[in-house]
Amino acid sequence: MKAPTELGLLPWSGPEGKPCYLSTDERGGYMSRLADNVEAVQLGTAAELLEEASETLSDRDVTLDEMRRLAYELSGALRDVLRVAISRGHLLAIGEPRS
């Protein structure tokens, strides 16, 4: 079992928006693979929304409701991407040799 500082941050939240962590030494285990797949979907969704945002911002006929929906979706995607970045940054820090 991993030390508490080596828990993996999962790419989804638990009840009340609290972070979920994975404690396992099995890198290719079911939950690790599931988390990797969810991260891939989240990053793909963020990329699609970024493209949509570029198109929407260049459209002079876009409505306020369309802009609000886009901002809402972008904030959710940004939250997901930030969680992925934090998780992967933590994994990098664990893997670095100590001086």
PDB file of N, CA and C in Angstrom:
ATOM      1  N   MET A   1       0.839  -1.183   0.000  1.00  0.00           N
ATOM      2  CA  MET A   1       0.000   0.000   0.000  1.00  0.00           C
ATOM      3  C   MET A   1       0.882   1.244   0.000  1.00  0.00           C
ATOM      4  N   LYS A   2       0.425   2.284  -0.651  1.00  0.00           N
ATOM      5  CA  LYS A   2       1.197   3.510  -0.759  1.00  0.00           C
ATOM      6  C   LYS A   2       1.131   4.313   0.533  1.00  0.00           C
ATOM      7  N   ALA A   3       2.149   5.132   0.747  1.00  0.00           N
ATOM      8  CA  ALA A   3       2.130   6.074   1.847  1.00  0.00           C
ATOM      9  C   ALA A   3       1.076   7.124   1.545  1.00  0.00           C
ATOM     10  N   PRO A   4       0.489   7.782   2.562  1.00  0.00           N
ATOM     11  CA  PRO A   4      -0.554   8.772   2.323  1.00  0.00           C
ATOM     12  C   PRO A   4      -0.147   9.877   1.359  1.00  0.00           C
ATOM     13  N   THR A   5       1.133  10.199   1.277  1.00  0.00           N
ATOM     14  CA  THR A   5       1.569  11.250   0.365  1.00  0.00           C
ATOM     15  C   THR A   5       1.657  10.743  -1.071  1.00  0.00           C
ATOM     16  N   GLU A   6       1.483   9.440  -1.275  1.00  0.00           N
ATOM     17  CA  GLU A   6       1.594   8.866  -2.606  1.00  0.00           C
ATOM     18  C   GLU A   6       0.247   8.426  -3.165  1.00  0.00           C
ATOM     19  N   LEU A   7      -0.829   8.919  -2.614  1.00  0.00           N
ATOM     20  CA  LEU A   7      -2.145   8.599  -3.133  1.00  0.00           C
ATOM     21  C   LEU A   7      -2.322   9.271  -4.485  1.00  0.00           C
ATOM     22  N   GLY A   8      -2.958   8.565  -5.386  1.00  0.00           N
ATOM     23  CA  GLY A   8      -3.207   9.135  -6.704  1.00  0.00           C
ATOM     24  C   GLY A   8      -4.526   9.879  -6.738  1.00  0.00           C
ATOM     25  N   LEU A   9      -4.507  11.119  -7.200  1.00  0.00           N
ATOM     26  CA  LEU A   9      -5.731  11.903  -7.343  1.00  0.00           C
ATOM     27  C   LEU A   9      -6.495  11.388  -8.557  1.00  0.00           C
ATOM     28  N   LEU A  10      -7.738  10.997  -8.335  1.00  0.00           N
ATOM     29  CA  LEU A  10      -8.571  10.482  -9.421  1.00  0.00           C
ATOM     30  C   LEU A  10      -9.218  11.639 -10.180  1.00  0.00           C
ATOM     31  N   PRO A  11      -9.556  11.434 -11.453  1.00  0.00           N
ATOM     32  CA  PRO A  11     -10.082  12.528 -12.271  1.00  0.00           C
ATOM     33  C   PRO A  11     -11.575  12.791 -12.089  1.00  0.00           C
ATOM     34  N   TRP A  12     -12.102  12.489 -10.922  1.00  0.00           N
ATOM     35  CA  TRP A  12     -13.495  12.804 -10.625  1.00  0.00           C
ATOM     36  C   TRP A  12     -13.597  13.153  -9.156  1.00  0.00           C
ATOM     37  N   SER A  13     -14.705  13.771  -8.801  1.00  0.00           N
ATOM     38  CA  SER A  13     -14.933  14.184  -7.418  1.00  0.00           C
ATOM     39  C   SER A  13     -15.902  13.231  -6.751  1.00  0.00           C
ATOM     40  N   GLY A  14     -15.807  13.194  -5.443  1.00  0.00           N
ATOM     41  CA  GLY A  14     -16.725  12.396  -4.656  1.00  0.00           C
ATOM     42  C   GLY A  14     -17.897  13.238  -4.202  1.00  0.00           C
ATOM     43  N   PRO A  15     -18.600  12.742  -3.190  1.00  0.00           N
ATOM     44  CA  PRO A  15     -19.737  13.497  -2.655  1.00  0.00           C
ATOM     45  C   PRO A  15     -19.300  14.898  -2.215  1.00  0.00           C
ATOM     46  N   GLU A  16     -20.162  15.842  -2.442  1.00  0.00           N
ATOM     47  CA  GLU A  16     -19.929  17.244  -2.058  1.00  0.00           C
ATOM     48  C   GLU A  16     -18.711  17.844  -2.750  1.00  0.00           C
ATOM     49  N   GLY A  17     -18.309  17.272  -3.889  1.00  0.00           N
ATOM     50  CA  GLY A  17     -17.196  17.832  -4.656  1.00  0.00           C
ATOM     51  C   GLY A  17     -15.820  17.580  -4.085  1.00  0.00           C
ATOM     52  N   LYS A  18     -15.738  16.701  -3.094  1.00  0.00           N
ATOM     53  CA  LYS A  18     -14.442  16.407  -2.478  1.00  0.00           C
ATOM     54  C   LYS A  18     -13.602  15.527  -3.396  1.00  0.00           C
ATOM     55  N   PRO A  19     -12.266  15.708  -3.379  1.00  0.00           N
ATOM     56  CA  PRO A  19     -11.404  14.902  -4.246  1.00  0.00           C
ATOM     57  C   PRO A  19     -11.428  13.420  -3.861  1.00  0.00           C
ATOM     58  N   CYS A  20     -11.223  12.567  -4.852  1.00  0.00           N
ATOM     59  CA  CYS A  20     -11.127  11.124  -4.639  1.00  0.00           C
ATOM     60  C   CYS A  20      -9.686  10.699  -4.918  1.00  0.00           C
ATOM     61  N   TYR A  21      -9.198   9.767  -4.133  1.00  0.00           N
ATOM     62  CA  TYR A  21      -7.824   9.301  -4.269  1.00  0.00           C
ATOM     63  C   TYR A  21      -7.796   7.796  -4.434  1.00  0.00           C
ATOM     64  N   LEU A  22      -6.743   7.309  -5.087  1.00  0.00           N
ATOM     65  CA  LEU A  22      -6.538   5.882  -5.301  1.00  0.00           C
ATOM     66  C   LEU A  22      -5.263   5.466  -4.590  1.00  0.00           C
ATOM     67  N   SER A  23      -5.375   4.450  -3.790  1.00  0.00           N
ATOM     68  CA  SER A  23      -4.218   3.908  -3.095  1.00  0.00           C
ATOM     69  C   SER A  23      -3.970   2.498  -3.613  1.00  0.00           C
ATOM     70  N   THR A  24      -2.994   2.376  -4.512  1.00  0.00           N
ATOM     71  CA  THR A  24      -2.653   1.066  -5.053  1.00  0.00           C
ATOM     72  C   THR A  24      -1.234   1.092  -5.591  1.00  0.00           C
ATOM     73  N   ASP A  25      -0.585  -0.025  -5.544  1.00  0.00           N
ATOM     74  CA  ASP A  25       0.737  -0.157  -6.138  1.00  0.00           C
ATOM     75  C   ASP A  25       0.636  -0.700  -7.563  1.00  0.00           C
ATOM     76  N   GLU A  26      -0.578  -1.089  -7.953  1.00  0.00           N
ATOM     77  CA  GLU A  26      -0.808  -1.727  -9.247  1.00  0.00           C
ATOM     78  C   GLU A  26      -1.095  -0.665 -10.307  1.00  0.00           C
ATOM     79  N   ARG A  27      -0.075  -0.256 -11.045  1.00  0.00           N
ATOM     80  CA  ARG A  27      -0.182   0.810 -12.053  1.00  0.00           C
ATOM     81  C   ARG A  27      -1.160   0.436 -13.170  1.00  0.00           C
ATOM     82  N   GLY A  28      -1.223  -0.812 -13.560  1.00  0.00           N
ATOM     83  CA  GLY A  28      -2.107  -1.224 -14.645  1.00  0.00           C
ATOM     84  C   GLY A  28      -3.399  -1.840 -14.166  1.00  0.00           C
ATOM     85  N   GLY A  29      -3.759  -1.613 -12.898  1.00  0.00           N
ATOM     86  CA  GLY A  29      -4.978  -2.186 -12.353  1.00  0.00           C
ATOM     87  C   GLY A  29      -6.230  -1.548 -12.927  1.00  0.00           C
ATOM     88  N   TYR A  30      -7.357  -2.138 -12.623  1.00  0.00           N
ATOM     89  CA  TYR A  30      -8.632  -1.692 -13.184  1.00  0.00           C
ATOM     90  C   TYR A  30      -8.886  -0.208 -12.911  1.00  0.00           C
ATOM     91  N   MET A  31      -8.760   0.222 -11.658  1.00  0.00           N
ATOM     92  CA  MET A  31      -9.052   1.611 -11.313  1.00  0.00           C
ATOM     93  C   MET A  31      -8.053   2.572 -11.959  1.00  0.00           C
ATOM     94  N   SER A  32      -6.801   2.173 -12.044  1.00  0.00           N
ATOM     95  CA  SER A  32      -5.799   3.014 -12.702  1.00  0.00           C
ATOM     96  C   SER A  32      -6.125   3.184 -14.189  1.00  0.00           C
ATOM     97  N   ARG A  33      -6.506   2.091 -14.829  1.00  0.00           N
ATOM     98  CA  ARG A  33      -6.879   2.162 -16.255  1.00  0.00           C
ATOM     99  C   ARG A  33      -8.137   2.991 -16.444  1.00  0.00           C
ATOM    100  N   LEU A  34      -9.106   2.826 -15.554  1.00  0.00           N
ATOM    101  CA  LEU A  34     -10.339   3.607 -15.624  1.00  0.00           C
ATOM    102  C   LEU A  34     -10.023   5.093 -15.478  1.00  0.00           C
ATOM    103  N   ALA A  35      -9.188   5.436 -14.512  1.00  0.00           N
ATOM    104  CA  ALA A  35      -8.808   6.835 -14.319  1.00  0.00           C
ATOM    105  C   ALA A  35      -8.100   7.388 -15.549  1.00  0.00           C
ATOM    106  N   ASP A  36      -7.191   6.604 -16.132  1.00  0.00           N
ATOM    107  CA  ASP A  36      -6.492   7.039 -17.346  1.00  0.00           C
ATOM    108  C   ASP A  36      -7.477   7.290 -18.485  1.00  0.00           C
ATOM    109  N   ASN A  37      -8.465   6.409 -18.638  1.00  0.00           N
ATOM    110  CA  ASN A  37      -9.471   6.573 -19.698  1.00  0.00           C
ATOM    111  C   ASN A  37     -10.333   7.807 -19.462  1.00  0.00           C
ATOM    112  N   VAL A  38     -10.728   8.035 -18.215  1.00  0.00           N
ATOM    113  CA  VAL A  38     -11.533   9.215 -17.893  1.00  0.00           C
ATOM    114  C   VAL A  38     -10.729  10.483 -18.169  1.00  0.00           C
ATOM    115  N   GLU A  39      -9.443  10.488 -17.781  1.00  0.00           N
ATOM    116  CA  GLU A  39      -8.584  11.639 -18.064  1.00  0.00           C
ATOM    117  C   GLU A  39      -8.504  11.906 -19.569  1.00  0.00           C
ATOM    118  N   ALA A  40      -8.364  10.856 -20.359  1.00  0.00           N
ATOM    119  CA  ALA A  40      -8.272  11.017 -21.815  1.00  0.00           C
ATOM    120  C   ALA A  40      -9.548  11.651 -22.369  1.00  0.00           C
ATOM    121  N   VAL A  41     -10.687  11.214 -21.874  1.00  0.00           N
ATOM    122  CA  VAL A  41     -11.966  11.784 -22.310  1.00  0.00           C
ATOM    123  C   VAL A  41     -12.055  13.252 -21.893  1.00  0.00           C
ATOM    124  N   GLN A  42     -11.663  13.549 -20.653  1.00  0.00           N
ATOM    125  CA  GLN A  42     -11.714  14.928 -20.169  1.00  0.00           C
ATOM    126  C   GLN A  42     -10.820  15.848 -20.996  1.00  0.00           C
ATOM    127  N   LEU A  43      -9.619  15.397 -21.303  1.00  0.00           N
ATOM    128  CA  LEU A  43      -8.704  16.220 -22.104  1.00  0.00           C
ATOM    129  C   LEU A  43      -9.229  16.396 -23.525  1.00  0.00           C
ATOM    130  N   GLY A  44      -9.818  15.354 -24.084  1.00  0.00           N
ATOM    131  CA  GLY A  44     -10.409  15.456 -25.415  1.00  0.00           C
ATOM    132  C   GLY A  44     -11.583  16.422 -25.443  1.00  0.00           C
ATOM    133  N   THR A  45     -12.414  16.373 -24.419  1.00  0.00           N
ATOM    134  CA  THR A  45     -13.542  17.288 -24.316  1.00  0.00           C
ATOM    135  C   THR A  45     -13.056  18.730 -24.213  1.00  0.00           C
ATOM    136  N   ALA A  46     -12.006  18.955 -23.429  1.00  0.00           N
ATOM    137  CA  ALA A  46     -11.448  20.303 -23.285  1.00  0.00           C
ATOM    138  C   ALA A  46     -10.933  20.815 -24.626  1.00  0.00           C
ATOM    139  N   ALA A  47     -10.278  19.964 -25.379  1.00  0.00           N
ATOM    140  CA  ALA A  47      -9.764  20.371 -26.694  1.00  0.00           C
ATOM    141  C   ALA A  47     -10.910  20.740 -27.631  1.00  0.00           C
ATOM    142  N   GLU A  48     -11.973  19.960 -27.614  1.00  0.00           N
ATOM    143  CA  GLU A  48     -13.139  20.254 -28.453  1.00  0.00           C
ATOM    144  C   GLU A  48     -13.793  21.573 -28.043  1.00  0.00           C
ATOM    145  N   LEU A  49     -13.906  21.805 -26.726  1.00  0.00           N
ATOM    146  CA  LEU A  49     -14.503  23.047 -26.250  1.00  0.00           C
ATOM    147  C   LEU A  49     -13.649  24.259 -26.598  1.00  0.00           C
ATOM    148  N   LEU A  50     -12.342  24.096 -26.573  1.00  0.00           N
ATOM    149  CA  LEU A  50     -11.450  25.192 -26.950  1.00  0.00           C
ATOM    150  C   LEU A  50     -11.677  25.582 -28.407  1.00  0.00           C
ATOM    151  N   GLU A  51     -11.819  24.590 -29.260  1.00  0.00           N
ATOM    152  CA  GLU A  51     -12.104  24.860 -30.680  1.00  0.00           C
ATOM    153  C   GLU A  51     -13.463  25.535 -30.839  1.00  0.00           C
ATOM    154  N   GLU A  52     -14.453  25.025 -30.096  1.00  0.00           N
ATOM    155  CA  GLU A  52     -15.793  25.622 -30.143  1.00  0.00           C
ATOM    156  C   GLU A  52     -15.755  27.072 -29.643  1.00  0.00           C
ATOM    157  N   ALA A  53     -14.973  27.332 -28.613  1.00  0.00           N
ATOM    158  CA  ALA A  53     -14.868  28.686 -28.071  1.00  0.00           C
ATOM    159  C   ALA A  53     -14.289  29.640 -29.109  1.00  0.00           C
ATOM    160  N   SER A  54     -13.270  29.191 -29.825  1.00  0.00           N
ATOM    161  CA  SER A  54     -12.675  30.028 -30.863  1.00  0.00           C
ATOM    162  C   SER A  54     -13.705  30.389 -31.930  1.00  0.00           C
ATOM    163  N   GLU A  55     -14.492  29.420 -32.337  1.00  0.00           N
ATOM    164  CA  GLU A  55     -15.519  29.658 -33.349  1.00  0.00           C
ATOM    165  C   GLU A  55     -16.614  30.580 -32.809  1.00  0.00           C
ATOM    166  N   THR A  56     -17.029  30.334 -31.575  1.00  0.00           N
ATOM    167  CA  THR A  56     -18.107  31.118 -30.977  1.00  0.00           C
ATOM    168  C   THR A  56     -17.690  32.575 -30.785  1.00  0.00           C
ATOM    169  N   LEU A  57     -16.467  32.785 -30.335  1.00  0.00           N
ATOM    170  CA  LEU A  57     -15.998  34.145 -30.098  1.00  0.00           C
ATOM    171  C   LEU A  57     -15.852  34.952 -31.387  1.00  0.00           C
ATOM    172  N   SER A  58     -15.671  34.279 -32.494  1.00  0.00           N
ATOM    173  CA  SER A  58     -15.551  34.994 -33.766  1.00  0.00           C
ATOM    174  C   SER A  58     -16.910  35.205 -34.439  1.00  0.00           C
ATOM    175  N   ASP A  59     -17.964  34.656 -33.855  1.00  0.00           N
ATOM    176  CA  ASP A  59     -19.317  34.787 -34.393  1.00  0.00           C
ATOM    177  C   ASP A  59     -19.986  36.026 -33.795  1.00  0.00           C
ATOM    178  N   ARG A  60     -20.255  37.008 -34.620  1.00  0.00           N
ATOM    179  CA  ARG A  60     -20.863  38.261 -34.140  1.00  0.00           C
ATOM    180  C   ARG A  60     -22.344  38.084 -33.774  1.00  0.00           C
ATOM    181  N   ASP A  61     -22.965  36.995 -34.213  1.00  0.00           N
ATOM    182  CA  ASP A  61     -24.385  36.783 -33.958  1.00  0.00           C
ATOM    183  C   ASP A  61     -24.647  35.872 -32.756  1.00  0.00           C
ATOM    184  N   VAL A  62     -23.617  35.546 -31.994  1.00  0.00           N
ATOM    185  CA  VAL A  62     -23.792  34.653 -30.852  1.00  0.00           C
ATOM    186  C   VAL A  62     -24.645  35.345 -29.785  1.00  0.00           C
ATOM    187  N   THR A  63     -25.542  34.562 -29.166  1.00  0.00           N
ATOM    188  CA  THR A  63     -26.426  35.126 -28.142  1.00  0.00           C
ATOM    189  C   THR A  63     -25.773  35.057 -26.768  1.00  0.00           C
ATOM    190  N   LEU A  64     -26.317  35.835 -25.862  1.00  0.00           N
ATOM    191  CA  LEU A  64     -25.821  35.831 -24.488  1.00  0.00           C
ATOM    192  C   LEU A  64     -25.987  34.445 -23.847  1.00  0.00           C
ATOM    193  N   ASP A  65     -27.103  33.777 -24.118  1.00  0.00           N
ATOM    194  CA  ASP A  65     -27.320  32.432 -23.576  1.00  0.00           C
ATOM    195  C   ASP A  65     -26.279  31.440 -24.102  1.00  0.00           C
ATOM    196  N   GLU A  66     -25.925  31.564 -25.378  1.00  0.00           N
ATOM    197  CA  GLU A  66     -24.896  30.690 -25.955  1.00  0.00           C
ATOM    198  C   GLU A  66     -23.540  30.948 -25.297  1.00  0.00           C
ATOM    199  N   MET A  67     -23.236  32.209 -25.036  1.00  0.00           N
ATOM    200  CA  MET A  67     -21.972  32.546 -24.372  1.00  0.00           C
ATOM    201  C   MET A  67     -21.950  32.023 -22.933  1.00  0.00           C
ATOM    202  N   ARG A  68     -23.063  32.135 -22.251  1.00  0.00           N
ATOM    203  CA  ARG A  68     -23.138  31.621 -20.869  1.00  0.00           C
ATOM    204  C   ARG A  68     -22.949  30.105 -20.840  1.00  0.00           C
ATOM    205  N   ARG A  69     -23.601  29.414 -21.770  1.00  0.00           N
ATOM    206  CA  ARG A  69     -23.471  27.955 -21.832  1.00  0.00           C
ATOM    207  C   ARG A  69     -22.019  27.574 -22.105  1.00  0.00           C
ATOM    208  N   LEU A  70     -21.400  28.266 -23.041  1.00  0.00           N
ATOM    209  CA  LEU A  70     -20.007  27.992 -23.365  1.00  0.00           C
ATOM    210  C   LEU A  70     -19.100  28.259 -22.156  1.00  0.00           C
ATOM    211  N   ALA A  71     -19.325  29.372 -21.476  1.00  0.00           N
ATOM    212  CA  ALA A  71     -18.516  29.692 -20.288  1.00  0.00           C
ATOM    213  C   ALA A  71     -18.701  28.623 -19.206  1.00  0.00           C
ATOM    214  N   TYR A  72     -19.921  28.152 -19.021  1.00  0.00           N
ATOM    215  CA  TYR A  72     -20.188  27.102 -18.043  1.00  0.00           C
ATOM    216  C   TYR A  72     -19.440  25.817 -18.409  1.00  0.00           C
ATOM    217  N   GLU A  73     -19.530  25.417 -19.671  1.00  0.00           N
ATOM    218  CA  GLU A  73     -18.851  24.199 -20.121  1.00  0.00           C
ATOM    219  C   GLU A  73     -17.332  24.342 -20.055  1.00  0.00           C
ATOM    220  N   LEU A  74     -16.824  25.515 -20.417  1.00  0.00           N
ATOM    221  CA  LEU A  74     -15.378  25.747 -20.341  1.00  0.00           C
ATOM    222  C   LEU A  74     -14.884  25.705 -18.899  1.00  0.00           C
ATOM    223  N   SER A  75     -15.660  26.252 -17.968  1.00  0.00           N
ATOM    224  CA  SER A  75     -15.217  26.223 -16.567  1.00  0.00           C
ATOM    225  C   SER A  75     -15.173  24.791 -16.042  1.00  0.00           C
ATOM    226  N   GLY A  76     -16.125  23.960 -16.445  1.00  0.00           N
ATOM    227  CA  GLY A  76     -16.093  22.551 -16.049  1.00  0.00           C
ATOM    228  C   GLY A  76     -14.898  21.828 -16.647  1.00  0.00           C
ATOM    229  N   ALA A  77     -14.616  22.093 -17.923  1.00  0.00           N
ATOM    230  CA  ALA A  77     -13.473  21.465 -18.584  1.00  0.00           C
ATOM    231  C   ALA A  77     -12.169  21.936 -17.966  1.00  0.00           C
ATOM    232  N   LEU A  78     -12.086  23.217 -17.634  1.00  0.00           N
ATOM    233  CA  LEU A  78     -10.878  23.741 -16.998  1.00  0.00           C
ATOM    234  C   LEU A  78     -10.659  23.094 -15.634  1.00  0.00           C
ATOM    235  N   ARG A  79     -11.727  22.894 -14.878  1.00  0.00           N
ATOM    236  CA  ARG A  79     -11.636  22.225 -13.583  1.00  0.00           C
ATOM    237  C   ARG A  79     -11.092  20.794 -13.763  1.00  0.00           C
ATOM    238  N   ASP A  80     -11.605  20.084 -14.773  1.00  0.00           N
ATOM    239  CA  ASP A  80     -11.148  18.716 -15.040  1.00  0.00           C
ATOM    240  C   ASP A  80      -9.677  18.688 -15.453  1.00  0.00           C
ATOM    241  N   VAL A  81      -9.293  19.600 -16.349  1.00  0.00           N
ATOM    242  CA  VAL A  81      -7.912  19.635 -16.838  1.00  0.00           C
ATOM    243  C   VAL A  81      -6.956  20.009 -15.705  1.00  0.00           C
ATOM    244  N   LEU A  82      -7.383  20.925 -14.843  1.00  0.00           N
ATOM    245  CA  LEU A  82      -6.548  21.291 -13.692  1.00  0.00           C
ATOM    246  C   LEU A  82      -6.331  20.085 -12.776  1.00  0.00           C
ATOM    247  N   ARG A  83      -7.396  19.299 -12.553  1.00  0.00           N
ATOM    248  CA  ARG A  83      -7.270  18.106 -11.716  1.00  0.00           C
ATOM    249  C   ARG A  83      -6.297  17.103 -12.348  1.00  0.00           C
ATOM    250  N   VAL A  84      -6.367  16.940 -13.658  1.00  0.00           N
ATOM    251  CA  VAL A  84      -5.445  16.043 -14.365  1.00  0.00           C
ATOM    252  C   VAL A  84      -4.014  16.558 -14.216  1.00  0.00           C
ATOM    253  N   ALA A  85      -3.819  17.869 -14.394  1.00  0.00           N
ATOM    254  CA  ALA A  85      -2.475  18.449 -14.285  1.00  0.00           C
ATOM    255  C   ALA A  85      -1.913  18.274 -12.878  1.00  0.00           C
ATOM    256  N   ILE A  86      -2.727  18.491 -11.874  1.00  0.00           N
ATOM    257  CA  ILE A  86      -2.274  18.312 -10.489  1.00  0.00           C
ATOM    258  C   ILE A  86      -1.903  16.858 -10.251  1.00  0.00           C
ATOM    259  N   SER A  87      -2.746  15.946 -10.707  1.00  0.00           N
ATOM    260  CA  SER A  87      -2.487  14.524 -10.524  1.00  0.00           C
ATOM    261  C   SER A  87      -1.197  14.104 -11.217  1.00  0.00           C
ATOM    262  N   ARG A  88      -1.031  14.515 -12.456  1.00  0.00           N
ATOM    263  CA  ARG A  88       0.170  14.128 -13.208  1.00  0.00           C
ATOM    264  C   ARG A  88       1.401  14.813 -12.652  1.00  0.00           C
ATOM    265  N   GLY A  89       1.276  16.045 -12.194  1.00  0.00           N
ATOM    266  CA  GLY A  89       2.402  16.738 -11.572  1.00  0.00           C
ATOM    267  C   GLY A  89       2.844  16.032 -10.311  1.00  0.00           C
ATOM    268  N   HIS A  90       1.877  15.532  -9.551  1.00  0.00           N
ATOM    269  CA  HIS A  90       2.192  14.775  -8.341  1.00  0.00           C
ATOM    270  C   HIS A  90       2.931  13.497  -8.697  1.00  0.00           C
ATOM    271  N   LEU A  91       2.484  12.818  -9.748  1.00  0.00           N
ATOM    272  CA  LEU A  91       3.154  11.589 -10.174  1.00  0.00           C
ATOM    273  C   LEU A  91       4.585  11.878 -10.612  1.00  0.00           C
ATOM    274  N   LEU A  92       4.795  12.996 -11.303  1.00  0.00           N
ATOM    275  CA  LEU A  92       6.150  13.370 -11.720  1.00  0.00           C
ATOM    276  C   LEU A  92       7.033  13.637 -10.517  1.00  0.00           C
ATOM    277  N   ALA A  93       6.494  14.316  -9.517  1.00  0.00           N
ATOM    278  CA  ALA A  93       7.280  14.647  -8.328  1.00  0.00           C
ATOM    279  C   ALA A  93       7.678  13.374  -7.573  1.00  0.00           C
ATOM    280  N   ILE A  94       6.793  12.405  -7.534  1.00  0.00           N
ATOM    281  CA  ILE A  94       7.099  11.136  -6.847  1.00  0.00           C
ATOM    282  C   ILE A  94       8.185  10.388  -7.588  1.00  0.00           C
ATOM    283  N   GLY A  95       8.138  10.436  -8.923  1.00  0.00           N
ATOM    284  CA  GLY A  95       9.087   9.687  -9.745  1.00  0.00           C
ATOM    285  C   GLY A  95      10.476  10.305  -9.834  1.00  0.00           C
ATOM    286  N   GLU A  96      10.618  11.576  -9.412  1.00  0.00           N
ATOM    287  CA  GLU A  96      11.919  12.244  -9.513  1.00  0.00           C
ATOM    288  C   GLU A  96      12.865  11.715  -8.444  1.00  0.00           C
ATOM    289  N   PRO A  97      14.140  11.497  -8.812  1.00  0.00           N
ATOM    290  CA  PRO A  97      15.105  11.067  -7.798  1.00  0.00           C
ATOM    291  C   PRO A  97      15.341  12.163  -6.787  1.00  0.00           C
ATOM    292  N   ARG A  98      15.534  11.772  -5.566  1.00  0.00           N
ATOM    293  CA  ARG A  98      15.771  12.753  -4.494  1.00  0.00           C
ATOM    294  C   ARG A  98      17.259  13.000  -4.349  1.00  0.00           C
ATOM    295  N   SER A  99      17.633  14.255  -4.109  1.00  0.00           N
ATOM    296  CA  SER A  99      19.035  14.641  -3.951  1.00  0.00           C
ATOM    297  C   SER A  99      19.522  14.367  -2.543  1.00  0.00           C
TER     298      SER A  99
END
